[in-house]
N, C-alpha and C. Protein backbone atom coordinates (compact mmCIF):
# COMPACT_ATOMS: atom_id res chain seq x y z
N MET A 1 -55.18 -100.11 -96.86
CA MET A 1 -54.25 -99.73 -96.11
C MET A 1 -53.30 -98.71 -96.85
N ALA A 2 -52.68 -97.85 -96.43
CA ALA A 2 -51.52 -97.10 -96.93
C ALA A 2 -50.27 -97.63 -97.08
N ARG A 3 -49.47 -98.03 -97.75
CA ARG A 3 -48.11 -98.61 -97.95
C ARG A 3 -47.22 -97.60 -98.12
N ALA A 4 -45.76 -97.66 -97.99
CA ALA A 4 -44.88 -96.76 -98.64
C ALA A 4 -45.24 -96.52 -99.91
N GLU A 5 -45.33 -97.50 -101.05
CA GLU A 5 -44.96 -96.84 -102.08
C GLU A 5 -46.39 -96.38 -102.81
N ASP A 6 -47.33 -96.59 -101.96
CA ASP A 6 -48.48 -95.54 -102.22
C ASP A 6 -48.05 -94.37 -102.43
N LYS A 7 -49.01 -93.46 -103.67
CA LYS A 7 -48.79 -91.98 -103.74
C LYS A 7 -49.13 -91.17 -102.57
N TRP A 8 -50.22 -91.37 -101.68
CA TRP A 8 -50.73 -90.54 -100.62
C TRP A 8 -50.27 -91.37 -99.49
N THR A 9 -49.51 -90.99 -98.31
CA THR A 9 -49.69 -91.69 -97.52
C THR A 9 -50.94 -90.95 -96.72
N LYS A 10 -51.24 -92.23 -95.43
CA LYS A 10 -52.47 -92.01 -94.70
C LYS A 10 -52.30 -90.29 -93.81
N GLU A 11 -51.08 -89.80 -93.74
CA GLU A 11 -50.91 -88.56 -93.21
C GLU A 11 -50.84 -87.30 -94.15
N ASP A 12 -50.52 -87.68 -95.49
CA ASP A 12 -51.07 -86.71 -96.49
C ASP A 12 -52.28 -86.65 -96.37
N LEU A 13 -52.92 -87.81 -96.61
CA LEU A 13 -54.61 -87.58 -96.91
C LEU A 13 -55.03 -86.98 -95.49
N GLU A 14 -54.72 -87.03 -94.31
CA GLU A 14 -55.65 -86.45 -93.15
C GLU A 14 -55.09 -84.97 -93.49
N GLU A 15 -54.41 -84.76 -93.52
CA GLU A 15 -54.10 -83.20 -93.80
C GLU A 15 -54.64 -82.37 -95.08
N ARG A 16 -54.72 -83.19 -96.13
CA ARG A 16 -55.71 -82.49 -97.14
C ARG A 16 -57.30 -82.78 -96.64
N ILE A 17 -57.70 -83.72 -95.73
CA ILE A 17 -59.05 -83.73 -95.23
C ILE A 17 -59.05 -82.24 -94.26
N LYS A 18 -58.07 -82.10 -93.43
CA LYS A 18 -58.43 -80.94 -92.56
C LYS A 18 -58.04 -79.61 -93.16
N ALA A 19 -57.71 -79.88 -94.33
CA ALA A 19 -57.50 -78.40 -95.24
C ALA A 19 -58.73 -78.05 -95.76
N LEU A 20 -59.60 -79.18 -96.33
CA LEU A 20 -61.03 -78.89 -96.82
C LEU A 20 -61.74 -78.51 -95.86
N PHE A 21 -61.71 -79.30 -94.61
CA PHE A 21 -62.49 -78.61 -93.67
C PHE A 21 -62.43 -76.99 -93.45
N LEU A 22 -60.97 -76.84 -93.21
CA LEU A 22 -60.64 -75.51 -93.02
C LEU A 22 -61.29 -74.64 -94.04
N GLN A 23 -60.96 -75.09 -95.35
CA GLN A 23 -61.55 -74.36 -96.69
C GLN A 23 -63.21 -74.05 -96.37
N GLN A 24 -64.14 -74.79 -95.56
CA GLN A 24 -65.48 -74.98 -95.87
C GLN A 24 -65.74 -74.18 -94.66
N ALA A 25 -65.20 -73.91 -93.41
CA ALA A 25 -65.06 -73.26 -92.53
C ALA A 25 -64.95 -71.43 -92.75
N LEU A 26 -64.02 -71.51 -93.28
CA LEU A 26 -63.72 -70.28 -93.63
C LEU A 26 -65.21 -69.72 -94.61
N GLU A 27 -65.57 -70.75 -95.86
CA GLU A 27 -66.51 -69.81 -96.72
C GLU A 27 -67.46 -69.81 -95.60
N HIS A 28 -68.03 -70.46 -94.69
CA HIS A 28 -68.93 -70.69 -94.17
C HIS A 28 -69.21 -68.93 -93.11
N LEU A 29 -67.81 -69.08 -92.53
CA LEU A 29 -67.96 -67.94 -91.79
C LEU A 29 -68.17 -66.59 -92.56
N ASN A 30 -67.39 -66.63 -93.64
CA ASN A 30 -67.10 -65.23 -94.47
C ASN A 30 -68.89 -65.11 -95.18
N HIS A 31 -69.35 -66.17 -95.42
CA HIS A 31 -71.08 -65.98 -95.93
C HIS A 31 -71.68 -65.10 -95.01
N ALA A 32 -71.58 -65.85 -93.45
CA ALA A 32 -72.23 -65.23 -92.53
C ALA A 32 -71.90 -64.09 -92.29
N LEU A 33 -70.61 -63.51 -92.58
CA LEU A 33 -70.20 -62.15 -92.24
C LEU A 33 -70.50 -61.37 -93.14
N GLU A 34 -70.53 -61.70 -94.55
CA GLU A 34 -71.53 -60.95 -95.40
C GLU A 34 -72.44 -60.89 -95.54
N MET A 35 -73.27 -61.68 -95.09
CA MET A 35 -75.09 -61.80 -94.77
C MET A 35 -75.09 -60.73 -93.39
N ARG A 36 -74.49 -60.34 -92.82
CA ARG A 36 -74.56 -59.54 -91.78
C ARG A 36 -74.06 -58.10 -92.71
N ARG A 37 -73.26 -57.87 -93.12
CA ARG A 37 -72.95 -56.77 -93.75
C ARG A 37 -74.01 -56.27 -94.61
N GLN A 38 -74.58 -57.24 -95.85
CA GLN A 38 -75.66 -56.92 -96.13
C GLN A 38 -77.09 -56.13 -95.49
N GLU A 39 -76.92 -56.75 -94.21
CA GLU A 39 -78.27 -56.38 -93.58
C GLU A 39 -77.98 -55.22 -92.75
N GLY A 40 -76.68 -54.58 -93.13
CA GLY A 40 -76.60 -53.47 -91.77
C GLY A 40 -76.38 -53.64 -90.92
N ARG A 41 -75.86 -54.84 -90.46
CA ARG A 41 -75.48 -55.37 -89.25
C ARG A 41 -74.22 -55.80 -89.24
N PRO A 42 -72.83 -54.43 -89.39
CA PRO A 42 -71.69 -55.35 -89.39
C PRO A 42 -71.20 -56.11 -87.89
N VAL A 43 -69.89 -56.84 -88.11
CA VAL A 43 -69.61 -57.46 -87.03
C VAL A 43 -68.21 -57.01 -86.61
N ALA A 44 -67.91 -56.75 -85.20
CA ALA A 44 -66.55 -56.38 -84.64
C ALA A 44 -66.19 -57.71 -84.56
N ARG A 45 -66.64 -59.05 -83.73
CA ARG A 45 -65.96 -59.79 -83.43
C ARG A 45 -66.68 -61.09 -83.82
N LEU A 46 -65.76 -62.10 -84.24
CA LEU A 46 -66.44 -63.10 -84.54
C LEU A 46 -67.50 -63.63 -83.42
N PRO A 47 -67.42 -63.92 -81.99
CA PRO A 47 -68.05 -64.22 -81.66
C PRO A 47 -70.03 -63.57 -81.35
N ASP A 48 -69.48 -62.06 -81.97
CA ASP A 48 -71.10 -61.53 -82.77
C ASP A 48 -71.81 -62.84 -83.18
N LEU A 49 -71.36 -63.17 -84.08
CA LEU A 49 -72.08 -64.06 -85.03
C LEU A 49 -73.07 -65.12 -84.55
N VAL A 50 -72.23 -65.58 -83.20
CA VAL A 50 -72.75 -66.58 -82.48
C VAL A 50 -73.81 -65.82 -81.57
N GLY A 51 -73.45 -64.98 -80.68
CA GLY A 51 -74.11 -64.25 -79.59
C GLY A 51 -75.62 -63.44 -80.41
N SER A 52 -75.63 -63.51 -81.79
CA SER A 52 -76.72 -63.03 -82.36
C SER A 52 -77.49 -63.85 -82.82
N GLY A 53 -77.25 -65.02 -83.25
CA GLY A 53 -77.69 -66.12 -83.47
C GLY A 53 -77.74 -66.51 -85.06
N ASP A 54 -76.61 -65.96 -85.73
CA ASP A 54 -76.33 -65.96 -87.06
C ASP A 54 -75.64 -67.55 -87.14
N LEU A 55 -74.90 -67.86 -86.11
CA LEU A 55 -74.18 -69.06 -86.23
C LEU A 55 -74.73 -69.90 -84.83
N LEU A 56 -74.70 -71.21 -84.65
CA LEU A 56 -74.72 -71.81 -83.46
C LEU A 56 -73.64 -71.79 -82.26
N GLN A 57 -72.54 -71.68 -83.34
CA GLN A 57 -71.14 -72.05 -82.66
C GLN A 57 -70.14 -71.40 -83.85
N LEU A 58 -68.97 -71.08 -83.32
CA LEU A 58 -68.25 -70.74 -83.89
C LEU A 58 -67.31 -72.77 -84.69
N PRO A 59 -66.84 -72.74 -85.57
CA PRO A 59 -66.59 -73.88 -86.06
C PRO A 59 -65.28 -73.74 -85.24
N GLU A 60 -64.48 -75.05 -85.26
CA GLU A 60 -63.27 -75.48 -84.76
C GLU A 60 -62.16 -75.40 -85.69
N GLU A 61 -61.18 -74.73 -85.71
CA GLU A 61 -59.88 -74.53 -86.62
C GLU A 61 -59.76 -75.84 -86.85
N PRO A 62 -59.40 -76.84 -87.72
CA PRO A 62 -59.02 -77.89 -87.59
C PRO A 62 -57.54 -78.07 -87.54
N PHE A 63 -56.64 -77.38 -87.58
CA PHE A 63 -55.05 -77.47 -87.47
C PHE A 63 -55.00 -76.99 -86.07
N GLY A 64 -55.94 -76.52 -85.42
CA GLY A 64 -55.52 -75.93 -84.09
C GLY A 64 -55.27 -74.60 -83.75
N GLY A 65 -55.47 -73.98 -85.12
CA GLY A 65 -55.31 -72.29 -84.97
C GLY A 65 -56.43 -71.64 -84.67
N HIS A 66 -56.62 -70.66 -85.04
CA HIS A 66 -57.18 -69.60 -84.62
C HIS A 66 -58.32 -68.96 -85.48
N PHE A 67 -59.71 -68.60 -85.81
CA PHE A 67 -60.02 -68.06 -86.85
C PHE A 67 -60.14 -66.37 -86.01
N MET A 68 -60.04 -65.35 -87.27
CA MET A 68 -59.97 -63.86 -86.57
C MET A 68 -60.56 -63.13 -88.14
N LEU A 69 -60.65 -61.84 -87.68
CA LEU A 69 -61.21 -60.83 -88.53
C LEU A 69 -60.01 -60.13 -89.35
N SER A 70 -59.57 -60.28 -90.67
CA SER A 70 -58.84 -59.25 -90.98
C SER A 70 -59.03 -59.16 -92.35
N GLY A 71 -59.05 -57.52 -92.28
CA GLY A 71 -59.34 -56.72 -93.71
C GLY A 71 -60.46 -57.27 -94.16
N GLY A 72 -61.57 -57.16 -93.08
CA GLY A 72 -62.98 -57.11 -93.53
C GLY A 72 -63.30 -58.97 -93.72
N ARG A 73 -62.53 -59.89 -93.57
CA ARG A 73 -62.59 -60.86 -93.86
C ARG A 73 -62.66 -62.36 -92.99
N VAL A 74 -63.00 -62.99 -92.62
CA VAL A 74 -62.31 -64.20 -91.52
C VAL A 74 -61.38 -65.07 -92.12
N VAL A 75 -60.07 -65.16 -91.57
CA VAL A 75 -58.84 -65.95 -91.79
C VAL A 75 -58.54 -66.70 -91.14
N SER A 76 -57.64 -67.57 -90.87
CA SER A 76 -57.18 -68.63 -89.96
C SER A 76 -55.74 -68.12 -90.04
N THR A 77 -55.39 -68.29 -88.58
CA THR A 77 -53.83 -68.31 -88.47
C THR A 77 -52.89 -69.32 -89.43
N ASP A 78 -54.00 -70.19 -89.50
CA ASP A 78 -53.38 -71.61 -90.46
C ASP A 78 -53.75 -71.31 -92.02
N ASN A 79 -53.73 -70.30 -92.27
CA ASN A 79 -54.26 -70.06 -94.04
C ASN A 79 -53.01 -70.92 -95.03
N GLY A 80 -52.11 -71.15 -94.41
CA GLY A 80 -50.98 -71.29 -94.96
C GLY A 80 -51.30 -72.90 -95.34
N LYS A 81 -51.99 -73.74 -94.69
CA LYS A 81 -52.70 -75.03 -95.09
C LYS A 81 -53.78 -75.15 -95.61
N LEU A 82 -54.33 -74.12 -96.56
CA LEU A 82 -55.15 -74.31 -97.58
C LEU A 82 -55.02 -74.93 -98.79
N LEU A 83 -55.86 -75.85 -99.40
CA LEU A 83 -55.17 -76.18 -100.44
C LEU A 83 -54.86 -75.33 -101.52
N HIS A 84 -54.35 -75.80 -102.55
CA HIS A 84 -54.12 -74.67 -103.62
C HIS A 84 -54.59 -75.09 -104.89
N VAL A 85 -54.79 -74.33 -105.76
CA VAL A 85 -55.87 -74.67 -106.98
C VAL A 85 -54.53 -74.26 -108.06
N PHE A 86 -54.62 -75.51 -108.86
CA PHE A 86 -53.83 -75.50 -110.28
C PHE A 86 -54.39 -75.48 -111.54
N ILE A 87 -53.98 -74.35 -112.67
CA ILE A 87 -54.84 -74.46 -114.06
C ILE A 87 -54.65 -75.56 -114.71
N GLY A 88 -53.41 -76.04 -114.73
CA GLY A 88 -53.02 -77.55 -115.05
C GLY A 88 -52.15 -78.59 -114.83
N PRO A 89 -52.17 -79.68 -115.32
CA PRO A 89 -51.91 -80.69 -114.80
C PRO A 89 -50.15 -80.23 -114.24
N HIS A 90 -49.50 -79.53 -114.80
CA HIS A 90 -48.05 -79.15 -114.62
C HIS A 90 -47.90 -77.60 -114.14
N SER A 91 -48.95 -76.80 -114.09
CA SER A 91 -48.83 -75.72 -113.49
C SER A 91 -48.42 -75.57 -112.17
N PRO A 92 -47.76 -74.76 -112.01
CA PRO A 92 -47.33 -74.01 -110.53
C PRO A 92 -48.43 -73.48 -109.77
N PRO A 93 -48.54 -73.36 -108.72
CA PRO A 93 -49.59 -73.11 -108.13
C PRO A 93 -49.61 -71.12 -108.28
N THR A 94 -50.97 -70.32 -108.23
CA THR A 94 -50.84 -69.13 -108.62
C THR A 94 -51.07 -68.34 -107.47
N GLU A 95 -52.17 -68.66 -106.82
CA GLU A 95 -52.65 -68.07 -105.55
C GLU A 95 -53.43 -69.20 -104.65
N PRO A 96 -53.63 -69.11 -103.28
CA PRO A 96 -54.09 -70.01 -102.59
C PRO A 96 -55.70 -69.82 -103.34
N TYR A 97 -56.42 -70.76 -102.72
CA TYR A 97 -57.52 -70.77 -103.20
C TYR A 97 -58.69 -69.92 -102.33
N LEU A 98 -58.43 -69.46 -101.00
CA LEU A 98 -58.80 -68.95 -100.42
C LEU A 98 -57.45 -68.01 -99.77
N ASP A 99 -57.73 -67.00 -99.30
CA ASP A 99 -56.80 -66.12 -98.49
C ASP A 99 -57.07 -66.13 -96.73
């Protein structure tokens, strides 16, 4: 059970779990998009991935945002919630893990 003096509160951990689900969903969607490109079957809209049978369904965006195509990649309207990778224990973030 989380207490006030604990390093991470329950809310912090829930947000991090959602961020991991968001990262996983983006990687999955972008992989399907890339496979379609390599096969010469580009996607104009995300629902095309479901209609063609590449995906059973589009994943739910865990923060309540939406997935969309932008610059040839799938992004989320809540990309700012992605986890950041740090190079060292005291290094500031340089770039989000995924854009």
